[in-house]
Amino acid sequence: MIKKIAVFSIILIFCLAYYFNFVHKKKNEELILTEEDNYNSNLLKDIKYIAKDDDGNEYIINANEGEIDLNNSDIIFLKDVKSQIKLKNSDEVNITSNFGKYNSSNYDTIFSKNVVITYLNYKITGEYLDLSLPKNRMIVSKNIIFTNEENVLKADVIEIDIKTKDAKVFMYEENKKVNIKNKDYPDGNN
């Protein structure tokens, strides 16, 4: 009888050891994977958002990937961004950048790093663009170069009203001036 109890105890110890060392550990590993999967679920691939305002203007934003802000689900951080603004009764504005920050509740978008804006024969390059559709405003800043068929303009900031297409161009420092050169006369002589 003692031999049977001893054999049973040994078998029970091996079973418990097996359970706690292998089965229980595996359940914990699955739990860890589940937590990682939930954490990574805020990553998005091949993103496309389309918005229209009351005036019939359309805003399309595409990105290779994005990540939803864990503190505010309306904010999406984007990589490799391409955007179009299709203005009613006007030509399309195209914007590209390495990064973006898109607010899905009000469509405000910040483009950063290697920003390129094209509209008709105009091209603006810079490092930062703050686009607000509700305010009808684009503010481009940092290393601005504005070109068209005839001129090259260098400035710190260009602020554009999207509806009226009016622009303000300025420098941060009062003692610095906006630099404009005609492509036909690059040295400044007419």
N, C-alpha and C. Protein backbone atom coordinates (compact mmCIF):
# COMPACT_ATOMS: atom_id res chain seq x y z
N MET A 1 0.81 -1.17 0.00
CA MET A 1 0.00 0.00 0.00
C MET A 1 0.87 1.26 0.00
N ILE A 2 1.93 1.26 0.78
CA ILE A 2 2.84 2.39 0.84
C ILE A 2 3.52 2.58 -0.52
N LYS A 3 3.84 1.46 -1.19
CA LYS A 3 4.45 1.54 -2.51
C LYS A 3 3.50 2.20 -3.49
N LYS A 4 2.19 1.87 -3.43
CA LYS A 4 1.20 2.47 -4.33
C LYS A 4 1.08 3.97 -4.07
N ILE A 5 1.08 4.37 -2.79
CA ILE A 5 0.99 5.79 -2.45
C ILE A 5 2.23 6.52 -2.93
N ALA A 6 3.39 5.92 -2.76
CA ALA A 6 4.65 6.54 -3.19
C ALA A 6 4.67 6.69 -4.71
N VAL A 7 4.26 5.65 -5.45
CA VAL A 7 4.23 5.72 -6.91
C VAL A 7 3.22 6.78 -7.35
N PHE A 8 2.04 6.79 -6.72
CA PHE A 8 1.02 7.77 -7.04
C PHE A 8 1.53 9.19 -6.76
N SER A 9 2.22 9.37 -5.62
CA SER A 9 2.76 10.69 -5.27
C SER A 9 3.81 11.14 -6.28
N ILE A 10 4.66 10.20 -6.70
CA ILE A 10 5.70 10.54 -7.69
C ILE A 10 5.05 10.94 -9.01
N ILE A 11 4.03 10.18 -9.42
CA ILE A 11 3.33 10.50 -10.67
C ILE A 11 2.64 11.86 -10.55
N LEU A 12 2.01 12.12 -9.39
CA LEU A 12 1.35 13.39 -9.17
C LEU A 12 2.35 14.55 -9.20
N ILE A 13 3.51 14.36 -8.59
CA ILE A 13 4.55 15.41 -8.60
C ILE A 13 5.02 15.69 -10.01
N PHE A 14 5.25 14.62 -10.80
CA PHE A 14 5.67 14.81 -12.19
C PHE A 14 4.59 15.54 -13.00
N CYS A 15 3.32 15.16 -12.79
CA CYS A 15 2.22 15.82 -13.51
C CYS A 15 2.13 17.30 -13.15
N LEU A 16 2.23 17.58 -11.83
CA LEU A 16 2.18 18.98 -11.40
C LEU A 16 3.38 19.77 -11.93
N ALA A 17 4.55 19.15 -11.88
CA ALA A 17 5.75 19.81 -12.38
C ALA A 17 5.60 20.09 -13.88
N TYR A 18 5.10 19.11 -14.62
CA TYR A 18 4.88 19.28 -16.05
C TYR A 18 3.90 20.43 -16.30
N TYR A 19 2.79 20.41 -15.56
CA TYR A 19 1.78 21.45 -15.74
C TYR A 19 2.35 22.84 -15.48
N PHE A 20 3.02 23.01 -14.34
CA PHE A 20 3.51 24.34 -14.00
C PHE A 20 4.70 24.77 -14.85
N ASN A 21 5.52 23.83 -15.28
CA ASN A 21 6.68 24.21 -16.08
C ASN A 21 6.38 24.39 -17.55
N PHE A 22 5.42 23.65 -18.08
CA PHE A 22 5.17 23.71 -19.52
C PHE A 22 3.81 24.31 -19.86
N VAL A 23 2.75 23.75 -19.35
CA VAL A 23 1.41 24.20 -19.72
C VAL A 23 1.14 25.61 -19.17
N HIS A 24 1.39 25.84 -17.90
CA HIS A 24 1.15 27.15 -17.29
C HIS A 24 2.05 28.22 -17.92
N LYS A 25 3.31 27.87 -18.17
CA LYS A 25 4.24 28.81 -18.80
C LYS A 25 3.75 29.17 -20.20
N LYS A 26 3.24 28.19 -20.94
CA LYS A 26 2.74 28.42 -22.29
C LYS A 26 1.54 29.36 -22.25
N LYS A 27 0.64 29.19 -21.27
CA LYS A 27 -0.49 30.11 -21.14
C LYS A 27 -0.01 31.53 -20.89
N ASN A 28 0.99 31.71 -20.06
CA ASN A 28 1.55 33.04 -19.81
C ASN A 28 2.17 33.62 -21.07
N GLU A 29 2.85 32.78 -21.85
CA GLU A 29 3.42 33.26 -23.11
C GLU A 29 2.31 33.72 -24.05
N GLU A 30 1.22 32.97 -24.12
CA GLU A 30 0.11 33.37 -24.97
C GLU A 30 -0.49 34.69 -24.49
N LEU A 31 -0.56 34.88 -23.20
CA LEU A 31 -1.06 36.12 -22.65
C LEU A 31 -0.16 37.28 -23.05
N ILE A 32 1.13 37.09 -22.99
CA ILE A 32 2.08 38.13 -23.39
C ILE A 32 1.90 38.45 -24.87
N LEU A 33 1.75 37.44 -25.72
CA LEU A 33 1.55 37.68 -27.14
C LEU A 33 0.25 38.44 -27.37
N THR A 34 -0.77 38.09 -26.64
CA THR A 34 -2.04 38.79 -26.80
C THR A 34 -1.89 40.25 -26.43
N GLU A 35 -1.16 40.56 -25.36
CA GLU A 35 -0.93 41.95 -24.98
C GLU A 35 -0.15 42.68 -26.07
N GLU A 36 0.87 42.03 -26.65
CA GLU A 36 1.64 42.66 -27.73
C GLU A 36 0.74 42.91 -28.93
N ASP A 37 -0.07 41.95 -29.28
CA ASP A 37 -0.96 42.12 -30.41
C ASP A 37 -1.89 43.31 -30.19
N ASN A 38 -2.43 43.45 -28.99
CA ASN A 38 -3.29 44.60 -28.70
C ASN A 38 -2.51 45.89 -28.80
N TYR A 39 -1.29 45.92 -28.32
CA TYR A 39 -0.47 47.13 -28.38
C TYR A 39 -0.19 47.51 -29.82
N ASN A 40 0.11 46.52 -30.66
CA ASN A 40 0.44 46.79 -32.06
C ASN A 40 -0.79 47.01 -32.93
N SER A 41 -1.96 46.83 -32.39
CA SER A 41 -3.16 46.98 -33.21
C SER A 41 -3.39 48.43 -33.63
N ASN A 42 -2.64 49.38 -33.07
CA ASN A 42 -2.80 50.76 -33.48
C ASN A 42 -1.96 51.10 -34.72
N LEU A 43 -1.23 50.14 -35.27
CA LEU A 43 -0.46 50.35 -36.50
C LEU A 43 -1.34 50.08 -37.71
N LEU A 44 -1.25 50.96 -38.69
CA LEU A 44 -2.06 50.84 -39.90
C LEU A 44 -1.15 50.86 -41.12
N LYS A 45 -1.54 50.15 -42.16
CA LYS A 45 -0.80 50.13 -43.43
C LYS A 45 -1.71 50.63 -44.55
N ASP A 46 -1.10 51.27 -45.55
CA ASP A 46 -1.83 51.74 -46.74
C ASP A 46 -3.10 52.49 -46.36
N ILE A 47 -2.91 53.67 -45.79
CA ILE A 47 -4.01 54.48 -45.25
C ILE A 47 -4.53 55.42 -46.32
N LYS A 48 -5.85 55.61 -46.31
CA LYS A 48 -6.46 56.60 -47.20
C LYS A 48 -7.66 57.20 -46.47
N TYR A 49 -7.65 58.53 -46.33
CA TYR A 49 -8.77 59.27 -45.75
C TYR A 49 -9.29 60.24 -46.79
N ILE A 50 -10.60 60.35 -46.89
CA ILE A 50 -11.23 61.30 -47.80
C ILE A 50 -12.23 62.12 -47.00
N ALA A 51 -12.14 63.44 -47.15
CA ALA A 51 -13.08 64.33 -46.46
C ALA A 51 -13.57 65.39 -47.44
N LYS A 52 -14.82 65.80 -47.27
CA LYS A 52 -15.40 66.87 -48.08
C LYS A 52 -15.96 67.92 -47.14
N ASP A 53 -15.76 69.19 -47.52
CA ASP A 53 -16.34 70.25 -46.70
C ASP A 53 -17.68 70.70 -47.29
N ASP A 54 -18.33 71.64 -46.63
CA ASP A 54 -19.65 72.11 -47.04
C ASP A 54 -19.62 72.82 -48.40
N ASP A 55 -18.45 73.34 -48.79
CA ASP A 55 -18.32 74.04 -50.08
C ASP A 55 -18.07 73.09 -51.25
N GLY A 56 -17.89 71.79 -50.98
CA GLY A 56 -17.64 70.82 -52.03
C GLY A 56 -16.17 70.56 -52.31
N ASN A 57 -15.29 71.14 -51.51
CA ASN A 57 -13.86 70.86 -51.64
C ASN A 57 -13.58 69.48 -51.06
N GLU A 58 -12.65 68.77 -51.69
CA GLU A 58 -12.32 67.41 -51.25
C GLU A 58 -10.86 67.34 -50.80
N TYR A 59 -10.64 66.64 -49.71
CA TYR A 59 -9.31 66.48 -49.14
C TYR A 59 -9.02 64.99 -49.05
N ILE A 60 -7.96 64.57 -49.72
CA ILE A 60 -7.58 63.15 -49.74
C ILE A 60 -6.17 63.04 -49.17
N ILE A 61 -6.00 62.13 -48.24
CA ILE A 61 -4.66 61.92 -47.67
C ILE A 61 -4.36 60.42 -47.72
N ASN A 62 -3.18 60.10 -48.25
CA ASN A 62 -2.69 58.72 -48.33
C ASN A 62 -1.37 58.63 -47.59
N ALA A 63 -1.12 57.48 -46.98
CA ALA A 63 0.17 57.25 -46.32
C ALA A 63 0.48 55.76 -46.38
N ASN A 64 1.77 55.46 -46.45
CA ASN A 64 2.18 54.05 -46.46
C ASN A 64 1.89 53.38 -45.13
N GLU A 65 2.06 54.11 -44.04
CA GLU A 65 1.71 53.55 -42.74
C GLU A 65 1.39 54.66 -41.76
N GLY A 66 0.73 54.26 -40.69
CA GLY A 66 0.35 55.22 -39.67
C GLY A 66 0.22 54.53 -38.32
N GLU A 67 0.19 55.35 -37.29
CA GLU A 67 0.04 54.84 -35.94
C GLU A 67 -0.92 55.75 -35.20
N ILE A 68 -1.96 55.15 -34.64
CA ILE A 68 -2.95 55.91 -33.88
C ILE A 68 -2.35 56.28 -32.53
N ASP A 69 -2.52 57.53 -32.15
CA ASP A 69 -2.04 58.01 -30.85
C ASP A 69 -2.84 57.31 -29.76
N LEU A 70 -2.15 56.64 -28.83
CA LEU A 70 -2.83 55.91 -27.77
C LEU A 70 -3.55 56.83 -26.80
N ASN A 71 -3.15 58.10 -26.71
CA ASN A 71 -3.80 59.06 -25.81
C ASN A 71 -4.98 59.79 -26.46
N ASN A 72 -5.02 59.82 -27.80
CA ASN A 72 -6.09 60.51 -28.51
C ASN A 72 -6.32 59.79 -29.84
N SER A 73 -7.38 59.01 -29.92
CA SER A 73 -7.62 58.18 -31.11
C SER A 73 -7.96 58.99 -32.36
N ASP A 74 -8.19 60.31 -32.24
CA ASP A 74 -8.41 61.16 -33.42
C ASP A 74 -7.11 61.49 -34.13
N ILE A 75 -5.97 61.32 -33.46
CA ILE A 75 -4.66 61.68 -34.01
C ILE A 75 -4.00 60.44 -34.60
N ILE A 76 -3.54 60.56 -35.84
CA ILE A 76 -2.82 59.48 -36.51
C ILE A 76 -1.49 60.03 -37.00
N PHE A 77 -0.39 59.39 -36.61
CA PHE A 77 0.94 59.75 -37.07
C PHE A 77 1.23 58.98 -38.34
N LEU A 78 1.62 59.67 -39.40
CA LEU A 78 1.75 59.09 -40.74
C LEU A 78 3.19 59.08 -41.22
N LYS A 79 3.48 58.13 -42.13
CA LYS A 79 4.79 58.07 -42.81
C LYS A 79 4.55 57.98 -44.31
N ASP A 80 5.44 58.64 -45.06
CA ASP A 80 5.36 58.67 -46.53
C ASP A 80 3.97 59.14 -46.97
N VAL A 81 3.75 60.43 -46.80
CA VAL A 81 2.42 61.02 -46.98
C VAL A 81 2.28 61.65 -48.36
N LYS A 82 1.12 61.41 -48.99
CA LYS A 82 0.75 62.04 -50.25
C LYS A 82 -0.69 62.51 -50.09
N SER A 83 -0.91 63.78 -50.43
CA SER A 83 -2.22 64.35 -50.21
C SER A 83 -2.64 65.21 -51.40
N GLN A 84 -3.95 65.27 -51.62
CA GLN A 84 -4.50 66.14 -52.65
C GLN A 84 -5.62 66.96 -52.03
N ILE A 85 -5.66 68.23 -52.43
CA ILE A 85 -6.78 69.09 -52.08
C ILE A 85 -7.44 69.46 -53.40
N LYS A 86 -8.66 68.98 -53.58
CA LYS A 86 -9.40 69.26 -54.80
C LYS A 86 -10.39 70.37 -54.49
N LEU A 87 -9.98 71.58 -54.86
CA LEU A 87 -10.79 72.76 -54.58
C LEU A 87 -11.87 72.91 -55.65
N LYS A 88 -13.08 73.20 -55.21
CA LYS A 88 -14.16 73.44 -56.15
C LYS A 88 -13.84 74.70 -56.95
N ASN A 89 -14.04 74.65 -58.24
CA ASN A 89 -13.77 75.78 -59.15
C ASN A 89 -12.30 76.18 -59.16
N SER A 90 -11.39 75.22 -58.93
CA SER A 90 -9.96 75.52 -58.96
C SER A 90 -9.19 74.24 -59.27
N ASP A 91 -7.89 74.41 -59.45
CA ASP A 91 -7.06 73.25 -59.73
C ASP A 91 -6.63 72.57 -58.44
N GLU A 92 -6.14 71.36 -58.60
CA GLU A 92 -5.75 70.52 -57.47
C GLU A 92 -4.42 70.96 -56.86
N VAL A 93 -4.33 70.87 -55.54
CA VAL A 93 -3.09 71.12 -54.81
C VAL A 93 -2.58 69.76 -54.34
N ASN A 94 -1.32 69.45 -54.64
CA ASN A 94 -0.72 68.18 -54.21
C ASN A 94 0.35 68.45 -53.16
N ILE A 95 0.38 67.59 -52.15
CA ILE A 95 1.33 67.75 -51.05
C ILE A 95 1.96 66.39 -50.76
N THR A 96 3.29 66.38 -50.61
CA THR A 96 3.98 65.16 -50.17
C THR A 96 4.91 65.53 -49.01
N SER A 97 5.17 64.54 -48.17
CA SER A 97 6.12 64.73 -47.06
C SER A 97 6.52 63.37 -46.51
N ASN A 98 7.59 63.37 -45.74
CA ASN A 98 8.03 62.12 -45.11
C ASN A 98 7.11 61.72 -43.97
N PHE A 99 6.63 62.72 -43.22
CA PHE A 99 5.81 62.44 -42.03
C PHE A 99 4.60 63.35 -42.00
N GLY A 100 3.60 62.93 -41.22
CA GLY A 100 2.41 63.74 -41.04
C GLY A 100 1.74 63.43 -39.71
N LYS A 101 0.92 64.36 -39.28
CA LYS A 101 0.10 64.18 -38.09
C LYS A 101 -1.29 64.63 -38.48
N TYR A 102 -2.22 63.69 -38.56
CA TYR A 102 -3.56 63.94 -39.08
C TYR A 102 -4.58 63.86 -37.94
N ASN A 103 -5.46 64.86 -37.86
CA ASN A 103 -6.54 64.85 -36.88
C ASN A 103 -7.82 64.50 -37.62
N SER A 104 -8.35 63.31 -37.38
CA SER A 104 -9.52 62.84 -38.12
C SER A 104 -10.81 63.55 -37.72
N SER A 105 -10.82 64.27 -36.60
CA SER A 105 -12.04 64.96 -36.19
C SER A 105 -12.21 66.31 -36.89
N ASN A 106 -11.11 67.00 -37.21
CA ASN A 106 -11.24 68.31 -37.87
C ASN A 106 -10.40 68.43 -39.15
N TYR A 107 -9.72 67.35 -39.54
CA TYR A 107 -8.92 67.25 -40.77
C TYR A 107 -7.66 68.10 -40.76
N ASP A 108 -7.32 68.74 -39.64
CA ASP A 108 -6.06 69.47 -39.56
C ASP A 108 -4.92 68.49 -39.73
N THR A 109 -3.94 68.89 -40.52
CA THR A 109 -2.80 68.01 -40.80
C THR A 109 -1.52 68.80 -40.71
N ILE A 110 -0.53 68.21 -40.07
CA ILE A 110 0.81 68.78 -40.04
C ILE A 110 1.69 67.86 -40.86
N PHE A 111 2.33 68.41 -41.88
CA PHE A 111 3.27 67.66 -42.72
C PHE A 111 4.67 68.09 -42.30
N SER A 112 5.59 67.14 -42.23
CA SER A 112 6.96 67.52 -41.85
C SER A 112 7.99 66.70 -42.60
N LYS A 113 9.15 67.29 -42.75
CA LYS A 113 10.34 66.71 -43.39
C LYS A 113 10.10 66.52 -44.89
N ASN A 114 10.86 67.27 -45.67
CA ASN A 114 10.79 67.20 -47.13
C ASN A 114 9.39 67.44 -47.68
N VAL A 115 8.78 68.53 -47.26
CA VAL A 115 7.44 68.88 -47.71
C VAL A 115 7.54 69.49 -49.11
N VAL A 116 6.70 69.02 -50.02
CA VAL A 116 6.63 69.56 -51.38
C VAL A 116 5.15 69.81 -51.69
N ILE A 117 4.86 71.06 -52.09
CA ILE A 117 3.51 71.46 -52.45
C ILE A 117 3.54 71.89 -53.91
N THR A 118 2.65 71.34 -54.73
CA THR A 118 2.57 71.76 -56.13
C THR A 118 1.15 72.20 -56.43
N TYR A 119 1.06 73.30 -57.18
CA TYR A 119 -0.22 73.86 -57.61
C TYR A 119 0.03 74.56 -58.94
N LEU A 120 -0.64 74.10 -59.99
CA LEU A 120 -0.40 74.61 -61.33
C LEU A 120 1.09 74.56 -61.64
N ASN A 121 1.72 75.70 -61.96
CA ASN A 121 3.16 75.69 -62.24
C ASN A 121 3.97 76.20 -61.04
N TYR A 122 3.35 76.21 -59.86
CA TYR A 122 4.03 76.66 -58.64
C TYR A 122 4.48 75.45 -57.82
N LYS A 123 5.63 75.62 -57.20
CA LYS A 123 6.16 74.57 -56.33
C LYS A 123 6.73 75.23 -55.08
N ILE A 124 6.33 74.72 -53.93
CA ILE A 124 6.87 75.21 -52.66
C ILE A 124 7.48 74.02 -51.93
N THR A 125 8.73 74.19 -51.50
CA THR A 125 9.36 73.16 -50.69
C THR A 125 9.70 73.76 -49.33
N GLY A 126 9.69 72.93 -48.32
CA GLY A 126 10.00 73.36 -46.97
C GLY A 126 10.08 72.15 -46.05
N GLU A 127 10.18 72.41 -44.79
CA GLU A 127 10.30 71.32 -43.82
C GLU A 127 9.05 71.13 -42.97
N TYR A 128 8.11 72.08 -43.02
CA TYR A 128 6.96 72.02 -42.13
C TYR A 128 5.76 72.70 -42.79
N LEU A 129 4.62 72.05 -42.74
CA LEU A 129 3.38 72.61 -43.27
C LEU A 129 2.26 72.33 -42.28
N ASP A 130 1.59 73.39 -41.86
CA ASP A 130 0.43 73.28 -40.99
C ASP A 130 -0.78 73.61 -41.85
N LEU A 131 -1.62 72.61 -42.12
CA LEU A 131 -2.78 72.76 -42.98
C LEU A 131 -4.05 72.66 -42.14
N SER A 132 -4.87 73.70 -42.18
CA SER A 132 -6.14 73.70 -41.46
C SER A 132 -7.26 73.98 -42.45
N LEU A 133 -8.04 72.97 -42.78
CA LEU A 133 -9.17 73.18 -43.69
C LEU A 133 -10.26 74.03 -43.05
N PRO A 134 -10.61 73.82 -41.76
CA PRO A 134 -11.64 74.69 -41.17
C PRO A 134 -11.25 76.17 -41.18
N LYS A 135 -9.96 76.47 -41.06
CA LYS A 135 -9.49 77.86 -41.05
C LYS A 135 -9.09 78.33 -42.45
N ASN A 136 -9.17 77.43 -43.46
CA ASN A 136 -8.77 77.74 -44.84
C ASN A 136 -7.36 78.28 -44.91
N ARG A 137 -6.42 77.65 -44.20
CA ARG A 137 -5.08 78.20 -44.08
C ARG A 137 -4.01 77.13 -44.24
N MET A 138 -2.95 77.51 -44.94
CA MET A 138 -1.73 76.70 -45.03
C MET A 138 -0.57 77.58 -44.59
N ILE A 139 0.22 77.09 -43.65
CA ILE A 139 1.42 77.82 -43.24
C ILE A 139 2.61 76.90 -43.47
N VAL A 140 3.48 77.32 -44.39
CA VAL A 140 4.68 76.56 -44.72
C VAL A 140 5.86 77.27 -44.09
N SER A 141 6.74 76.51 -43.44
CA SER A 141 7.89 77.16 -42.80
C SER A 141 9.13 76.28 -42.84
N LYS A 142 10.24 76.89 -42.53
CA LYS A 142 11.57 76.28 -42.46
C LYS A 142 12.13 75.97 -43.85
N ASN A 143 13.12 76.72 -44.24
CA ASN A 143 13.84 76.53 -45.52
C ASN A 143 12.91 76.55 -46.73
N ILE A 144 12.09 77.58 -46.83
CA ILE A 144 11.10 77.70 -47.90
C ILE A 144 11.78 78.10 -49.21
N ILE A 145 11.43 77.37 -50.26
CA ILE A 145 11.81 77.76 -51.61
C ILE A 145 10.54 77.68 -52.46
N PHE A 146 10.14 78.80 -53.01
CA PHE A 146 8.95 78.92 -53.84
C PHE A 146 9.41 79.16 -55.27
N THR A 147 8.99 78.32 -56.19
CA THR A 147 9.40 78.50 -57.58
C THR A 147 8.19 78.47 -58.51
N ASN A 148 8.30 79.21 -59.59
CA ASN A 148 7.38 79.11 -60.71
C ASN A 148 8.22 79.19 -61.98
N GLU A 149 7.59 79.44 -63.11
CA GLU A 149 8.34 79.44 -64.37
C GLU A 149 9.37 80.56 -64.45
N GLU A 150 9.16 81.65 -63.71
CA GLU A 150 10.01 82.82 -63.84
C GLU A 150 10.89 83.11 -62.63
N ASN A 151 10.44 82.79 -61.43
CA ASN A 151 11.11 83.26 -60.22
C ASN A 151 11.43 82.15 -59.23
N VAL A 152 12.40 82.47 -58.37
CA VAL A 152 12.74 81.64 -57.23
C VAL A 152 12.70 82.56 -56.01
N LEU A 153 11.92 82.16 -55.01
CA LEU A 153 11.78 82.97 -53.81
C LEU A 153 12.22 82.13 -52.62
N LYS A 154 13.02 82.73 -51.73
CA LYS A 154 13.45 82.06 -50.50
C LYS A 154 12.96 82.88 -49.32
N ALA A 155 12.34 82.19 -48.34
CA ALA A 155 11.79 82.88 -47.18
C ALA A 155 11.72 81.91 -46.00
N ASP A 156 11.33 82.46 -44.85
CA ASP A 156 11.13 81.63 -43.66
C ASP A 156 9.72 81.08 -43.58
N VAL A 157 8.72 81.87 -44.01
CA VAL A 157 7.32 81.47 -43.86
C VAL A 157 6.51 81.94 -45.06
N ILE A 158 5.60 81.07 -45.50
CA ILE A 158 4.58 81.45 -46.48
C ILE A 158 3.25 81.03 -45.86
N GLU A 159 2.35 81.99 -45.74
CA GLU A 159 1.00 81.73 -45.22
C GLU A 159 0.02 81.95 -46.36
N ILE A 160 -0.79 80.92 -46.67
CA ILE A 160 -1.69 80.98 -47.82
C ILE A 160 -3.13 80.77 -47.36
N ASP A 161 -4.02 81.63 -47.83
CA ASP A 161 -5.46 81.45 -47.62
C ASP A 161 -5.93 80.51 -48.73
N ILE A 162 -6.45 79.37 -48.37
CA ILE A 162 -6.83 78.35 -49.36
C ILE A 162 -7.96 78.84 -50.26
N LYS A 163 -8.93 79.57 -49.71
CA LYS A 163 -10.07 80.04 -50.52
C LYS A 163 -9.67 81.15 -51.47
N THR A 164 -9.02 82.18 -50.96
CA THR A 164 -8.72 83.35 -51.79
C THR A 164 -7.40 83.21 -52.55
N LYS A 165 -6.55 82.30 -52.12
CA LYS A 165 -5.21 82.08 -52.68
C LYS A 165 -4.26 83.25 -52.38
N ASP A 166 -4.66 84.14 -51.48
CA ASP A 166 -3.78 85.22 -51.05
C ASP A 166 -2.65 84.63 -50.21
N ALA A 167 -1.46 85.21 -50.37
CA ALA A 167 -0.30 84.69 -49.64
C ALA A 167 0.45 85.82 -48.95
N LYS A 168 0.98 85.49 -47.79
CA LYS A 168 1.88 86.39 -47.07
C LYS A 168 3.22 85.68 -46.99
N VAL A 169 4.28 86.38 -47.34
CA VAL A 169 5.62 85.81 -47.31
C VAL A 169 6.47 86.69 -46.40
N PHE A 170 7.16 86.06 -45.44
CA PHE A 170 7.97 86.86 -44.53
C PHE A 170 9.10 86.07 -43.92
N MET A 171 9.98 86.83 -43.26
CA MET A 171 11.12 86.27 -42.54
C MET A 171 10.84 86.38 -41.05
N TYR A 172 11.47 85.53 -40.26
CA TYR A 172 11.32 85.62 -38.80
C TYR A 172 12.04 86.83 -38.23
N GLU A 173 13.22 87.10 -38.73
CA GLU A 173 14.04 88.19 -38.21
C GLU A 173 13.82 89.44 -39.05
N GLU A 174 13.62 90.56 -38.38
CA GLU A 174 13.34 91.82 -39.08
C GLU A 174 14.48 92.27 -39.98
N ASN A 175 15.71 91.98 -39.61
CA ASN A 175 16.86 92.45 -40.41
C ASN A 175 17.12 91.56 -41.63
N LYS A 176 16.42 90.45 -41.77
CA LYS A 176 16.58 89.60 -42.97
C LYS A 176 15.44 89.87 -43.93
N LYS A 177 15.74 89.74 -45.22
CA LYS A 177 14.75 90.02 -46.25
C LYS A 177 14.45 88.78 -47.07
N VAL A 178 13.24 88.74 -47.59
CA VAL A 178 12.84 87.68 -48.51
C VAL A 178 13.70 87.82 -49.76
N ASN A 179 14.22 86.72 -50.27
CA ASN A 179 15.11 86.71 -51.42
C ASN A 179 14.31 86.25 -52.65
N ILE A 180 14.23 87.11 -53.67
CA ILE A 180 13.53 86.78 -54.92
C ILE A 180 14.49 86.97 -56.07
N LYS A 181 14.58 85.94 -56.92
CA LYS A 181 15.44 86.03 -58.12
C LYS A 181 14.64 85.58 -59.33
N ASN A 182 14.85 86.30 -60.41
CA ASN A 182 14.27 85.93 -61.69
C ASN A 182 15.16 84.87 -62.32
N LYS A 183 14.58 83.81 -62.83
CA LYS A 183 15.37 82.72 -63.41
C LYS A 183 16.15 83.18 -64.64
N ASP A 184 15.63 84.17 -65.37
CA ASP A 184 16.33 84.67 -66.55
C ASP A 184 17.54 85.52 -66.17
N TYR A 185 17.53 86.08 -64.95
CA TYR A 185 18.61 86.93 -64.47
C TYR A 185 19.07 86.45 -63.10
N PRO A 186 19.71 85.30 -63.00
CA PRO A 186 20.07 84.73 -61.70
C PRO A 186 21.03 85.60 -60.89
N ASP A 187 21.81 86.46 -61.53
CA ASP A 187 22.74 87.28 -60.77
C ASP A 187 22.10 88.60 -60.33
N GLY A 188 20.83 88.82 -60.71
CA GLY A 188 20.14 90.04 -60.29
C GLY A 188 20.21 91.16 -61.28
N ASN A 189 21.01 91.06 -62.36
CA ASN A 189 21.12 92.12 -63.38
C ASN A 189 20.03 91.94 -64.44
N ASN A 190 19.37 93.04 -64.81
CA ASN A 190 18.32 92.96 -65.82
C ASN A 190 18.85 93.25 -67.19
